[in-house]
Protein backbone atom coordinates (compact mmCIF):
# COMPACT_ATOMS: atom_id res chain seq x y z
CA MET A 1 4.84 99.77 -80.33
CA LEU A 2 1.74 100.26 -82.49
CA ALA A 3 -1.49 100.72 -80.59
CA PRO A 4 -3.97 97.87 -81.24
CA THR A 5 -6.62 100.24 -82.63
CA THR A 6 -4.24 101.82 -85.15
CA LYS A 7 -4.04 100.42 -88.68
CA LEU A 8 -0.55 100.03 -90.08
CA ALA A 9 -1.83 101.45 -93.37
CA ASP A 10 -2.65 104.71 -91.59
CA LYS A 11 0.93 105.14 -90.39
CA ALA A 12 3.09 103.81 -93.20
CA MET A 13 3.37 103.09 -96.91
CA LEU A 14 5.40 100.73 -99.06
CA VAL A 15 8.31 101.86 -101.23
CA LYS A 16 10.29 99.74 -103.64
CA LEU A 17 13.68 100.64 -105.05
CA THR A 18 14.55 98.66 -108.16
CA THR A 19 18.26 98.74 -108.88
CA ARG A 20 19.93 97.34 -111.97
CA ARG A 21 23.70 97.31 -112.38
CA ALA A 22 25.93 96.20 -115.21
CA ALA A 23 27.60 92.81 -114.73
CA LEU A 24 31.32 93.46 -114.40
CA VAL A 25 32.48 89.92 -113.71
CA LYS A 26 33.57 87.86 -116.72
CA ARG A 27 35.04 84.44 -117.46
CA ASP A 28 38.84 84.45 -117.80
CA ASN A 29 39.20 82.05 -120.74
CA ALA A 30 42.98 81.70 -120.52
CA LEU A 31 43.05 80.87 -116.82
CA THR A 32 39.96 78.69 -117.14
CA SER A 33 41.64 76.54 -119.81
CA GLN A 34 44.82 76.37 -117.74
CA LEU A 35 42.96 75.33 -114.58
CA GLN A 36 40.81 72.76 -116.35
CA ALA A 37 43.88 71.14 -117.90
CA GLN A 38 45.75 71.21 -114.60
CA GLU A 39 42.91 69.67 -112.60
CA GLY A 40 41.43 67.50 -115.36
CA ASP A 41 38.00 69.00 -114.66
CA ASN A 42 36.17 70.87 -117.43
CA SER A 43 33.52 72.14 -114.99
CA LEU A 44 35.96 74.56 -113.33
CA THR A 45 35.72 78.23 -114.27
CA VAL A 46 37.87 81.24 -113.38
CA LEU A 47 36.09 84.58 -113.15
CA THR A 48 37.75 87.97 -113.32
CA ARG A 49 36.46 91.38 -112.29
CA LEU A 50 36.49 94.18 -114.83
CA PHE A 51 37.34 97.75 -113.88
CA ARG A 52 39.78 96.70 -111.19
CA ASP A 53 41.15 100.22 -110.82
CA LYS A 54 39.21 101.79 -107.96
CA ASN A 55 39.94 105.24 -109.39
CA ASN A 56 38.20 104.44 -112.67
CA GLU A 57 35.05 106.53 -113.14
CA VAL A 58 32.98 103.39 -113.71
CA ASN A 59 33.74 102.28 -110.16
CA ARG A 60 32.75 105.69 -108.84
CA ILE A 61 29.43 105.36 -110.66
CA MET A 62 28.84 101.89 -109.25
CA ALA A 63 29.67 103.18 -105.76
CA LYS A 64 27.19 106.05 -106.18
CA TYR A 65 24.45 103.60 -107.19
CA ASN A 66 25.28 101.52 -104.11
CA GLU A 67 24.96 104.63 -101.93
CA VAL A 68 21.37 105.11 -103.13
CA TYR A 69 20.51 101.56 -102.05
CA THR A 70 22.31 102.00 -98.72
CA TYR A 71 20.31 105.14 -97.91
CA HIS A 72 17.07 103.42 -98.93
CA LYS A 73 17.80 100.43 -96.70
CA ALA A 74 18.84 102.60 -93.75
CA ASN A 75 15.69 104.73 -93.86
CA THR A 76 13.05 102.06 -94.37
CA LEU A 77 11.91 98.91 -92.58
CA PRO A 78 11.65 95.31 -93.82
CA TYR A 79 8.39 94.06 -95.27
CA ILE A 80 8.99 91.29 -97.82
CA ASP A 81 12.39 89.91 -98.74
CA ALA A 82 13.71 91.43 -101.97
CA GLY A 83 10.50 93.40 -102.33
CA PRO A 84 9.05 96.69 -101.10
CA ARG A 85 9.95 98.09 -97.70
CA ILE A 86 7.94 100.02 -95.12
CA LEU A 87 8.33 103.79 -94.97
CA PRO A 88 6.71 105.63 -92.04
CA SER A 89 4.40 108.22 -93.54
CA ALA A 90 5.90 110.98 -91.40
CA ASN A 91 9.24 110.49 -93.19
CA TYR A 92 7.83 110.57 -96.73
CA PHE A 93 8.93 114.08 -97.74
CA GLU A 94 12.42 113.84 -96.24
CA TYR A 95 12.98 110.38 -97.71
CA THR A 96 11.62 111.25 -101.16
CA GLN A 97 13.60 114.46 -101.43
CA GLU A 98 16.85 112.76 -100.44
CA MET A 99 16.30 109.71 -102.65
CA LYS A 100 15.44 111.79 -105.71
CA HIS A 101 18.56 113.89 -105.15
CA ARG A 102 20.78 110.82 -104.79
CA ILE A 103 19.30 109.15 -107.86
CA ALA A 104 19.76 112.36 -109.89
CA VAL A 105 23.42 112.59 -108.85
CA ALA A 106 24.05 108.95 -109.77
CA ASP A 107 22.28 109.29 -113.13
CA LYS A 108 24.17 112.49 -113.96
CA MET A 109 27.50 110.79 -113.24
CA LEU A 110 26.48 107.97 -115.57
CA ASP A 111 25.36 110.33 -118.35
CA ASN A 112 28.53 112.41 -118.08
CA ALA A 113 30.76 109.33 -118.36
CA MET A 114 29.09 107.74 -121.38
CA PRO A 115 30.73 109.94 -124.08
CA TYR A 116 34.18 108.70 -123.01
CA TYR A 117 33.22 105.21 -121.82
CA ASP A 118 35.53 103.57 -124.38
CA ASP A 119 38.44 105.53 -122.94
CA LEU A 120 37.55 104.20 -119.47
CA VAL A 121 37.67 100.67 -120.87
CA THR A 122 41.08 101.30 -122.47
CA GLN A 123 42.33 102.77 -119.19
CA ASP A 124 41.20 99.68 -117.30
CA VAL A 125 42.65 97.24 -119.84
CA MET A 126 46.03 98.93 -119.41
CA PHE A 127 45.67 98.81 -115.61
CA ARG A 128 44.82 95.10 -115.61
CA ASN A 129 47.57 94.20 -118.08
CA THR A 130 50.17 95.75 -115.78
CA GLY A 131 48.87 93.75 -112.83
CA HIS A 132 47.03 90.52 -112.15
CA ALA A 133 45.84 89.97 -115.73
CA ALA A 134 49.11 90.78 -117.53
CA GLY A 135 48.77 89.85 -121.20
CA ARG A 136 45.19 88.56 -120.82
CA ALA A 137 42.99 91.67 -120.52
CA ASN A 138 41.36 92.99 -123.67
CA ALA A 139 38.53 95.37 -124.53
CA ASP A 140 36.33 92.60 -125.98
CA GLU A 141 35.58 91.40 -122.43
CA TYR A 142 33.77 94.62 -121.55
CA PRO A 143 30.17 95.62 -122.21
CA THR A 144 29.81 98.27 -124.87
CA ALA A 145 28.80 101.79 -123.88
CA ASP A 146 25.18 101.10 -124.89
CA GLN A 147 25.13 97.78 -123.04
CA PHE A 148 26.55 99.39 -119.92
CA ARG A 149 24.14 102.35 -120.06
CA ASN A 150 21.09 100.15 -120.60
CA ALA A 151 22.10 97.85 -117.73
CA MET A 152 22.11 100.70 -115.19
CA ALA A 153 18.86 101.91 -113.62
CA LEU A 154 17.35 103.19 -110.40
CA ASP A 155 13.57 103.24 -110.08
CA LEU A 156 11.50 104.28 -107.06
CA ARG A 157 7.84 103.22 -106.65
CA PHE A 158 5.37 103.92 -103.83
CA GLN A 159 2.22 102.02 -102.96
CA PRO A 160 -0.18 101.88 -100.00
CA MET A 161 0.10 99.23 -97.32
CA PRO A 162 -2.34 96.35 -97.87
CA ASP A 163 -5.52 97.00 -95.92
CA SER A 164 -8.77 95.05 -95.75
CA ARG A 165 -10.64 98.37 -96.03
CA HIS A 166 -9.37 98.72 -99.61
CA PHE A 167 -11.52 95.85 -100.88
CA LEU A 168 -14.71 96.85 -102.69
CA PHE A 169 -16.53 93.72 -101.57
CA ASP A 170 -17.06 91.96 -98.25
CA LEU A 171 -14.29 89.56 -97.19
CA SER A 172 -15.00 86.32 -95.39
CA ASP A 173 -14.12 86.06 -91.72
CA GLU A 174 -11.19 83.81 -92.65
CA ASP A 175 -9.82 86.35 -95.13
CA LEU A 176 -10.24 89.19 -92.66
CA ALA A 177 -8.34 87.15 -90.07
CA GLU A 178 -5.59 86.48 -92.62
CA CYS A 179 -5.31 90.21 -93.40
CA ALA A 180 -5.02 90.96 -89.68
CA ARG A 181 -2.39 88.25 -89.24
CA ALA A 182 -0.34 89.57 -92.18
CA GLU A 183 -0.48 93.08 -90.74
CA GLU A 184 0.64 91.83 -87.33
CA GLU A 185 3.55 89.96 -88.89
CA ALA A 186 4.61 93.01 -90.90
CA LEU A 187 4.47 95.18 -87.79
CA ALA A 188 6.42 92.62 -85.74
CA ALA A 189 9.17 92.51 -88.38
CA ALA A 190 9.32 96.31 -88.52
CA ASN A 191 9.48 96.63 -84.73
CA ALA A 192 12.18 93.97 -84.52
CA ASP A 193 14.25 95.89 -87.06
CA VAL A 194 13.84 99.15 -85.14
CA LEU A 195 14.97 97.52 -81.90
CA ALA A 196 17.86 95.74 -83.60
CA ARG A 197 19.23 99.06 -84.82
CA MET A 198 19.54 100.14 -81.20
CA LEU A 199 20.46 96.85 -79.57
CA LYS A 200 23.26 95.95 -82.00
CA PRO A 201 25.44 99.01 -81.23
CA LEU A 202 24.36 98.83 -77.57
CA GLY A 203 25.60 95.25 -77.40
CA ASP A 204 28.86 96.19 -79.12
CA LEU A 205 29.48 98.95 -76.57
CA THR A 206 28.61 96.73 -73.61
CA ARG A 207 30.98 94.01 -74.79
CA ARG A 208 33.78 96.50 -75.39
CA LEU A 209 33.37 97.91 -71.88
CA GLY A 210 33.89 94.40 -70.54
CA GLU A 211 36.90 93.67 -72.76
CA TYR A 212 38.78 96.96 -72.48
CA GLN A 213 41.55 96.93 -69.88
CA GLY A 214 43.20 100.29 -70.53
CA GLN A 215 46.51 98.71 -71.45
CA LYS A 216 49.15 100.64 -73.40
CA GLY A 217 48.29 100.65 -77.09
CA GLU A 218 44.74 99.39 -76.47
CA ARG A 219 42.11 101.47 -78.22
CA PHE A 220 38.59 102.47 -77.26
CA HIS A 221 37.11 104.28 -80.25
CA ASN A 222 34.60 107.07 -79.65
CA SER A 223 32.64 105.75 -82.62
CA ILE A 224 31.45 102.75 -80.62
CA VAL A 225 29.57 105.18 -78.33
CA GLU A 226 28.49 107.40 -81.23
CA ASN A 227 26.92 104.36 -82.90
CA VAL A 228 24.62 103.92 -79.90
CA ILE A 229 23.49 107.53 -80.17
CA GLU A 230 22.91 107.13 -83.90
CA GLY A 231 20.95 103.94 -83.29
CA CYS A 232 18.65 105.81 -80.91
CA LYS A 233 18.05 108.59 -83.44
CA THR A 234 17.28 106.04 -86.15
CA ALA A 235 14.89 104.11 -83.90
CA ARG A 236 13.03 107.27 -82.94
CA LYS A 237 12.75 108.24 -86.60
CA LEU A 238 11.55 104.87 -87.91
CA ALA A 239 9.38 103.62 -85.05
CA ILE A 240 5.78 103.46 -86.22
CA ASN A 241 3.43 105.06 -83.69
CA PRO A 242 5.74 104.32 -80.71
CA THR A 243 4.40 104.22 -77.17
CA PRO A 244 5.45 106.93 -74.70
CA ASP A 245 7.32 104.29 -72.66
CA PHE A 246 9.36 103.27 -75.68
CA LEU A 247 10.30 106.86 -76.51
CA THR A 248 11.24 107.48 -72.89
CA GLU A 249 13.53 104.45 -72.96
CA VAL A 250 15.16 105.60 -76.20
CA SER A 251 15.75 109.11 -74.86
CA ALA A 252 17.24 107.73 -71.64
CA LEU A 253 19.66 105.51 -73.56
CA GLU A 254 20.64 108.34 -75.90
CA GLY A 255 21.28 110.66 -72.96
CA MET A 256 23.31 108.00 -71.17
CA ALA A 257 25.47 107.38 -74.25
CA ALA A 258 25.95 111.12 -74.80
CA GLN A 259 27.18 111.44 -71.21
CA TYR A 260 29.66 108.59 -71.71
CA LEU A 261 30.90 110.19 -74.91
CA GLN A 262 31.42 113.50 -73.14
CA HIS A 263 33.42 111.79 -70.38
CA VAL A 264 35.03 109.06 -72.48
CA GLU A 265 38.48 109.63 -70.96
CA ILE A 266 37.06 108.77 -67.53
CA ILE A 267 35.55 105.60 -68.98
CA LYS A 268 38.91 104.67 -70.50
CA GLY A 269 40.86 105.34 -67.34
CA SER A 270 38.60 103.91 -64.64
CA PRO A 271 37.69 100.20 -64.34
CA ALA A 272 34.96 101.17 -61.86
CA ALA A 273 33.45 103.64 -64.34
CA ARG A 274 33.49 101.00 -67.07
CA ASP A 275 31.84 98.43 -64.80
CA GLU A 276 29.13 100.91 -63.83
CA ALA A 277 28.51 101.88 -67.45
CA LYS A 278 28.34 98.23 -68.48
CA ARG A 279 25.86 97.47 -65.70
CA ARG A 280 23.57 100.36 -66.60
CA LEU A 281 23.67 99.60 -70.32
CA SER A 282 22.97 95.91 -69.69
CA GLU A 283 19.88 96.90 -67.69
CA VAL A 284 18.68 99.01 -70.61
CA ALA A 285 19.18 96.11 -73.03
CA GLU A 286 17.21 93.83 -70.71
CA ARG A 287 14.34 96.29 -70.50
CA MET A 288 14.33 96.61 -74.27
CA GLY A 289 13.54 92.91 -74.44
CA ALA A 290 10.09 93.74 -73.12
CA TYR A 291 9.30 95.37 -76.44
CA GLY A 292 9.21 92.02 -78.18
CA PHE A 293 12.71 91.64 -79.55
CA ALA A 294 15.31 89.26 -78.14
CA ALA A 295 18.88 90.43 -78.69
């Protein structure tokens, strides 16, 4: 999808989200001793999860931190495992504004909860002692307020894409070739991810059209069509310097899915309509394979 004469560094940047979360899984000493004696194996360990009550504010904070990561992952492309990810330059302002807002919300929730953190621990100890950990839960298992606060962090860092033009000295032909190869591999991984975000929901819809029989009680959720539309929007947003043919294909698929969503009752009620929709969508998936990604 990227024209051969276009440098990836001119179209994208790298962004890394570093997320630290407090460890809320602890060894259950009582059950561990019981299990080891029962099995005659001192290597066995029983772990228990703290803050089991989903309504506890600590769990809401953890969920909010997870939402930041989820947004980051959904709006960037893979580059190096567990490292920075590719952000198309055109999306920088939208992405940065949204990420900073989400991080601020998560950090404010954390700061607001810290003055009564000990009460949240007491609340959870009571919850656990009336359930699965009756008689075993105690406050000593939990991190202190300072330990919990210091273990929580969200940090966002930007950096340019690696580019042979950035070197202040001449590179050997071998090194230049290696830089070009690394850029091609990064672009291939990004393109594969873009296509996967369309082809996964497209495949789900195609399979469902083949399985659905319209029997009483059988369900055909609108969301399975909506996911195809969303996949097209995401692909259009994240594709780096896409070709006109690719954008045409994405628009055609999005329009097709929107039409099926508008007439979903006809799809549900007509085997012929489902067969036709499945055929057309399968043809789209096959054409998508020409863009270098095998479903």
